[in-house]
């Protein structure tokens, strides 16, 4: 998988606080990425569909 990255302006980056977590409900593990400084600003996907950090680099 090729990473798809974009530059973020400093003013946007300074106002954001982004966190990631793996949520396991017993059936499916999901990677959740959220900007906790904004209401409802989050995405999630199954862990099986993600790329490990060493593979991403």
PDB file of N, CA and C in Angstrom:
ATOM      1  N   UNK A   1       0.842  -1.173   0.000  1.00  0.00           N
ATOM      2  CA  UNK A   1       0.000   0.000   0.000  1.00  0.00           C
ATOM      3  C   UNK A   1       0.886   1.235   0.000  1.00  0.00           C
ATOM      4  N   UNK A   2       0.632   2.151  -0.893  1.00  0.00           N
ATOM      5  CA  UNK A   2       1.383   3.388  -0.955  1.00  0.00           C
ATOM      6  C   UNK A   2       0.713   4.426  -0.081  1.00  0.00           C
ATOM      7  N   UNK A   3       1.482   5.075   0.799  1.00  0.00           N
ATOM      8  CA  UNK A   3       0.862   6.087   1.649  1.00  0.00           C
ATOM      9  C   UNK A   3       0.395   7.276   0.832  1.00  0.00           C
ATOM     10  N   UNK A   4      -0.735   7.817   1.182  1.00  0.00           N
ATOM     11  CA  UNK A   4      -1.285   8.991   0.530  1.00  0.00           C
ATOM     12  C   UNK A   4      -1.276  10.111   1.559  1.00  0.00           C
ATOM     13  N   UNK A   5      -0.246  10.941   1.495  1.00  0.00           N
ATOM     14  CA  UNK A   5      -0.101  11.989   2.492  1.00  0.00           C
ATOM     15  C   UNK A   5      -0.282  13.352   1.845  1.00  0.00           C
ATOM     16  N   UNK A   6      -0.670  14.297   2.617  1.00  0.00           N
ATOM     17  CA  UNK A   6      -0.843  15.672   2.148  1.00  0.00           C
ATOM     18  C   UNK A   6      -0.278  16.619   3.190  1.00  0.00           C
ATOM     19  N   UNK A   7       0.225  17.735   2.733  1.00  0.00           N
ATOM     20  CA  UNK A   7       0.744  18.739   3.656  1.00  0.00           C
ATOM     21  C   UNK A   7      -0.423  19.395   4.387  1.00  0.00           C
ATOM     22  N   UNK A   8      -0.219  19.650   5.659  1.00  0.00           N
ATOM     23  CA  UNK A   8      -1.234  20.302   6.486  1.00  0.00           C
ATOM     24  C   UNK A   8      -0.701  21.664   6.876  1.00  0.00           C
ATOM     25  N   UNK A   9      -1.501  22.684   6.736  1.00  0.00           N
ATOM     26  CA  UNK A   9      -1.050  24.018   7.110  1.00  0.00           C
ATOM     27  C   UNK A   9      -0.792  24.077   8.612  1.00  0.00           C
ATOM     28  N   UNK A  10       0.144  24.904   9.006  1.00  0.00           N
ATOM     29  CA  UNK A  10       0.513  25.011  10.415  1.00  0.00           C
ATOM     30  C   UNK A  10      -0.669  25.477  11.252  1.00  0.00           C
ATOM     31  N   UNK A  11      -1.483  26.404  10.739  1.00  0.00           N
ATOM     32  CA  UNK A  11      -2.607  26.906  11.521  1.00  0.00           C
ATOM     33  C   UNK A  11      -3.620  25.805  11.818  1.00  0.00           C
ATOM     34  N   UNK A  12      -3.828  24.894  10.889  1.00  0.00           N
ATOM     35  CA  UNK A  12      -4.744  23.773  11.116  1.00  0.00           C
ATOM     36  C   UNK A  12      -4.117  22.785  12.089  1.00  0.00           C
ATOM     37  N   UNK A  13      -2.849  22.480  11.902  1.00  0.00           N
ATOM     38  CA  UNK A  13      -2.168  21.514  12.758  1.00  0.00           C
ATOM     39  C   UNK A  13      -2.089  21.995  14.205  1.00  0.00           C
ATOM     40  N   UNK A  14      -1.926  23.282  14.423  1.00  0.00           N
ATOM     41  CA  UNK A  14      -1.822  23.817  15.779  1.00  0.00           C
ATOM     42  C   UNK A  14      -3.128  23.697  16.554  1.00  0.00           C
ATOM     43  N   UNK A  15      -4.261  23.677  15.854  1.00  0.00           N
ATOM     44  CA  UNK A  15      -5.567  23.632  16.503  1.00  0.00           C
ATOM     45  C   UNK A  15      -6.115  22.224  16.667  1.00  0.00           C
ATOM     46  N   UNK A  16      -5.375  21.210  16.248  1.00  0.00           N
ATOM     47  CA  UNK A  16      -5.890  19.843  16.249  1.00  0.00           C
ATOM     48  C   UNK A  16      -5.150  18.975  17.257  1.00  0.00           C
ATOM     49  N   UNK A  17      -5.852  17.976  17.755  1.00  0.00           N
ATOM     50  CA  UNK A  17      -5.242  16.958  18.597  1.00  0.00           C
ATOM     51  C   UNK A  17      -5.793  15.617  18.122  1.00  0.00           C
ATOM     52  N   UNK A  18      -4.942  14.864  17.431  1.00  0.00           N
ATOM     53  CA  UNK A  18      -5.368  13.615  16.804  1.00  0.00           C
ATOM     54  C   UNK A  18      -4.812  12.439  17.589  1.00  0.00           C
ATOM     55  N   UNK A  19      -5.667  11.441  17.802  1.00  0.00           N
ATOM     56  CA  UNK A  19      -5.280  10.233  18.525  1.00  0.00           C
ATOM     57  C   UNK A  19      -5.737   9.017  17.739  1.00  0.00           C
ATOM     58  N   UNK A  20      -5.083   7.884  17.981  1.00  0.00           N
ATOM     59  CA  UNK A  20      -5.468   6.624  17.344  1.00  0.00           C
ATOM     60  C   UNK A  20      -5.580   5.547  18.410  1.00  0.00           C
ATOM     61  N   UNK A  21      -6.480   4.592  18.160  1.00  0.00           N
ATOM     62  CA  UNK A  21      -6.705   3.512  19.105  1.00  0.00           C
ATOM     63  C   UNK A  21      -7.227   2.299  18.353  1.00  0.00           C
ATOM     64  N   UNK A  22      -6.949   1.122  18.887  1.00  0.00           N
ATOM     65  CA  UNK A  22      -7.543  -0.100  18.346  1.00  0.00           C
ATOM     66  C   UNK A  22      -8.688  -0.498  19.261  1.00  0.00           C
ATOM     67  N   UNK A  23      -9.881  -0.589  18.684  1.00  0.00           N
ATOM     68  CA  UNK A  23     -11.096  -0.939  19.418  1.00  0.00           C
ATOM     69  C   UNK A  23     -11.429  -2.396  19.102  1.00  0.00           C
ATOM     70  N   UNK A  24     -11.566  -3.209  20.127  1.00  0.00           N
ATOM     71  CA  UNK A  24     -11.875  -4.625  19.964  1.00  0.00           C
ATOM     72  C   UNK A  24     -13.179  -4.928  20.677  1.00  0.00           C
ATOM     73  N   UNK A  25     -14.236  -5.191  19.900  1.00  0.00           N
ATOM     74  CA  UNK A  25     -15.538  -5.487  20.506  1.00  0.00           C
ATOM     75  C   UNK A  25     -15.754  -6.986  20.720  1.00  0.00           C
ATOM     76  N   UNK A  26     -14.701  -7.768  20.508  1.00  0.00           N
ATOM     77  CA  UNK A  26     -14.801  -9.208  20.670  1.00  0.00           C
ATOM     78  C   UNK A  26     -14.977  -9.934  19.346  1.00  0.00           C
ATOM     79  N   UNK A  27     -15.518  -9.245  18.352  1.00  0.00           N
ATOM     80  CA  UNK A  27     -15.708  -9.829  17.022  1.00  0.00           C
ATOM     81  C   UNK A  27     -14.763  -9.229  15.993  1.00  0.00           C
ATOM     82  N   UNK A  28     -14.595  -7.920  16.038  1.00  0.00           N
ATOM     83  CA  UNK A  28     -13.815  -7.211  15.037  1.00  0.00           C
ATOM     84  C   UNK A  28     -12.915  -6.195  15.700  1.00  0.00           C
ATOM     85  N   UNK A  29     -11.639  -6.186  15.291  1.00  0.00           N
ATOM     86  CA  UNK A  29     -10.722  -5.148  15.754  1.00  0.00           C
ATOM     87  C   UNK A  29     -10.744  -4.018  14.721  1.00  0.00           C
ATOM     88  N   UNK A  30     -10.892  -2.780  15.218  1.00  0.00           N
ATOM     89  CA  UNK A  30     -10.935  -1.617  14.346  1.00  0.00           C
ATOM     90  C   UNK A  30      -9.919  -0.580  14.800  1.00  0.00           C
ATOM     91  N   UNK A  31      -9.229   0.020  13.824  1.00  0.00           N
ATOM     92  CA  UNK A  31      -8.365   1.157  14.087  1.00  0.00           C
ATOM     93  C   UNK A  31      -9.237   2.401  14.002  1.00  0.00           C
ATOM     94  N   UNK A  32      -9.233   3.194  15.062  1.00  0.00           N
ATOM     95  CA  UNK A  32     -10.022   4.428  15.110  1.00  0.00           C
ATOM     96  C   UNK A  32      -9.040   5.593  15.194  1.00  0.00           C
ATOM     97  N   UNK A  33      -9.180   6.558  14.293  1.00  0.00           N
ATOM     98  CA  UNK A  33      -8.373   7.772  14.304  1.00  0.00           C
ATOM     99  C   UNK A  33      -9.338   8.929  14.501  1.00  0.00           C
ATOM    100  N   UNK A  34      -9.066   9.769  15.509  1.00  0.00           N
ATOM    101  CA  UNK A  34      -9.995  10.846  15.838  1.00  0.00           C
ATOM    102  C   UNK A  34      -9.260  12.145  16.144  1.00  0.00           C
ATOM    103  N   UNK A  35      -9.849  13.242  15.691  1.00  0.00           N
ATOM    104  CA  UNK A  35      -9.402  14.577  16.093  1.00  0.00           C
ATOM    105  C   UNK A  35     -10.279  14.952  17.281  1.00  0.00           C
ATOM    106  N   UNK A  36      -9.716  14.837  18.476  1.00  0.00           N
ATOM    107  CA  UNK A  36     -10.532  15.043  19.681  1.00  0.00           C
ATOM    108  C   UNK A  36     -10.836  16.516  19.948  1.00  0.00           C
ATOM    109  N   UNK A  37     -10.278  17.411  19.117  1.00  0.00           N
ATOM    110  CA  UNK A  37     -10.592  18.829  19.272  1.00  0.00           C
ATOM    111  C   UNK A  37     -11.822  19.235  18.458  1.00  0.00           C
ATOM    112  N   UNK A  38     -12.376  18.285  17.662  1.00  0.00           N
ATOM    113  CA  UNK A  38     -13.567  18.557  16.838  1.00  0.00           C
ATOM    114  C   UNK A  38     -14.634  17.504  17.120  1.00  0.00           C
ATOM    115  N   UNK A  39     -15.867  17.937  17.153  1.00  0.00           N
ATOM    116  CA  UNK A  39     -16.996  17.031  17.369  1.00  0.00           C
ATOM    117  C   UNK A  39     -17.200  16.152  16.129  1.00  0.00           C
ATOM    118  N   UNK A  40     -17.337  14.854  16.316  1.00  0.00           N
ATOM    119  CA  UNK A  40     -17.615  13.886  15.245  1.00  0.00           C
ATOM    120  C   UNK A  40     -16.550  13.852  14.155  1.00  0.00           C
ATOM    121  N   UNK A  41     -15.295  14.144  14.494  1.00  0.00           N
ATOM    122  CA  UNK A  41     -14.200  14.100  13.513  1.00  0.00           C
ATOM    123  C   UNK A  41     -13.392  12.831  13.745  1.00  0.00           C
ATOM    124  N   UNK A  42     -13.858  11.704  13.170  1.00  0.00           N
ATOM    125  CA  UNK A  42     -13.174  10.431  13.350  1.00  0.00           C
ATOM    126  C   UNK A  42     -13.440   9.525  12.150  1.00  0.00           C
ATOM    127  N   UNK A  43     -12.544   8.566  11.968  1.00  0.00           N
ATOM    128  CA  UNK A  43     -12.717   7.520  10.955  1.00  0.00           C
ATOM    129  C   UNK A  43     -12.305   6.201  11.594  1.00  0.00           C
ATOM    130  N   UNK A  44     -12.781   5.099  11.043  1.00  0.00           N
ATOM    131  CA  UNK A  44     -12.358   3.786  11.534  1.00  0.00           C
ATOM    132  C   UNK A  44     -12.333   2.814  10.374  1.00  0.00           C
ATOM    133  N   UNK A  45     -11.531   1.782  10.552  1.00  0.00           N
ATOM    134  CA  UNK A  45     -11.472   0.705   9.564  1.00  0.00           C
ATOM    135  C   UNK A  45     -11.007  -0.567  10.260  1.00  0.00           C
ATOM    136  N   UNK A  46     -11.323  -1.707   9.651  1.00  0.00           N
ATOM    137  CA  UNK A  46     -10.881  -2.977  10.228  1.00  0.00           C
ATOM    138  C   UNK A  46      -9.364  -3.036  10.254  1.00  0.00           C
ATOM    139  N   UNK A  47      -8.818  -3.578  11.322  1.00  0.00           N
ATOM    140  CA  UNK A  47      -7.369  -3.691  11.461  1.00  0.00           C
ATOM    141  C   UNK A  47      -6.779  -4.495  10.301  1.00  0.00           C
ATOM    142  N   UNK A  48      -7.515  -5.494   9.821  1.00  0.00           N
ATOM    143  CA  UNK A  48      -7.014  -6.307   8.709  1.00  0.00           C
ATOM    144  C   UNK A  48      -6.772  -5.458   7.462  1.00  0.00           C
ATOM    145  N   UNK A  49      -7.444  -4.336   7.341  1.00  0.00           N
ATOM    146  CA  UNK A  49      -7.295  -3.472   6.174  1.00  0.00           C
ATOM    147  C   UNK A  49      -6.239  -2.395   6.338  1.00  0.00           C
ATOM    148  N   UNK A  50      -5.542  -2.385   7.474  1.00  0.00           N
ATOM    149  CA  UNK A  50      -4.531  -1.363   7.726  1.00  0.00           C
ATOM    150  C   UNK A  50      -3.142  -1.892   7.385  1.00  0.00           C
ATOM    151  N   UNK A  51      -2.189  -0.995   7.335  1.00  0.00           N
ATOM    152  CA  UNK A  51      -0.797  -1.336   7.061  1.00  0.00           C
ATOM    153  C   UNK A  51       0.025  -1.039   8.300  1.00  0.00           C
ATOM    154  N   UNK A  52       0.918  -1.943   8.652  1.00  0.00           N
ATOM    155  CA  UNK A  52       1.773  -1.701   9.817  1.00  0.00           C
ATOM    156  C   UNK A  52       2.730  -0.550   9.514  1.00  0.00           C
ATOM    157  N   UNK A  53       3.195   0.119  10.549  1.00  0.00           N
ATOM    158  CA  UNK A  53       4.084   1.251  10.371  1.00  0.00           C
ATOM    159  C   UNK A  53       5.358   0.873   9.605  1.00  0.00           C
ATOM    160  N   UNK A  54       6.043  -0.240   9.930  1.00  0.00           N
ATOM    161  CA  UNK A  54       7.229  -0.603   9.150  1.00  0.00           C
ATOM    162  C   UNK A  54       6.913  -0.845   7.666  1.00  0.00           C
ATOM    163  N   UNK A  55       5.774  -1.443   7.359  1.00  0.00           N
ATOM    164  CA  UNK A  55       5.398  -1.668   5.959  1.00  0.00           C
ATOM    165  C   UNK A  55       5.058  -0.358   5.262  1.00  0.00           C
ATOM    166  N   UNK A  56       4.482   0.576   5.977  1.00  0.00           N
ATOM    167  CA  UNK A  56       4.093   1.863   5.415  1.00  0.00           C
ATOM    168  C   UNK A  56       5.306   2.685   5.041  1.00  0.00           C
ATOM    169  N   UNK A  57       6.352   2.576   5.847  1.00  0.00           N
ATOM    170  CA  UNK A  57       7.585   3.352   5.582  1.00  0.00           C
ATOM    171  C   UNK A  57       8.236   2.818   4.352  1.00  0.00           C
TER     172      UNK A  57
END
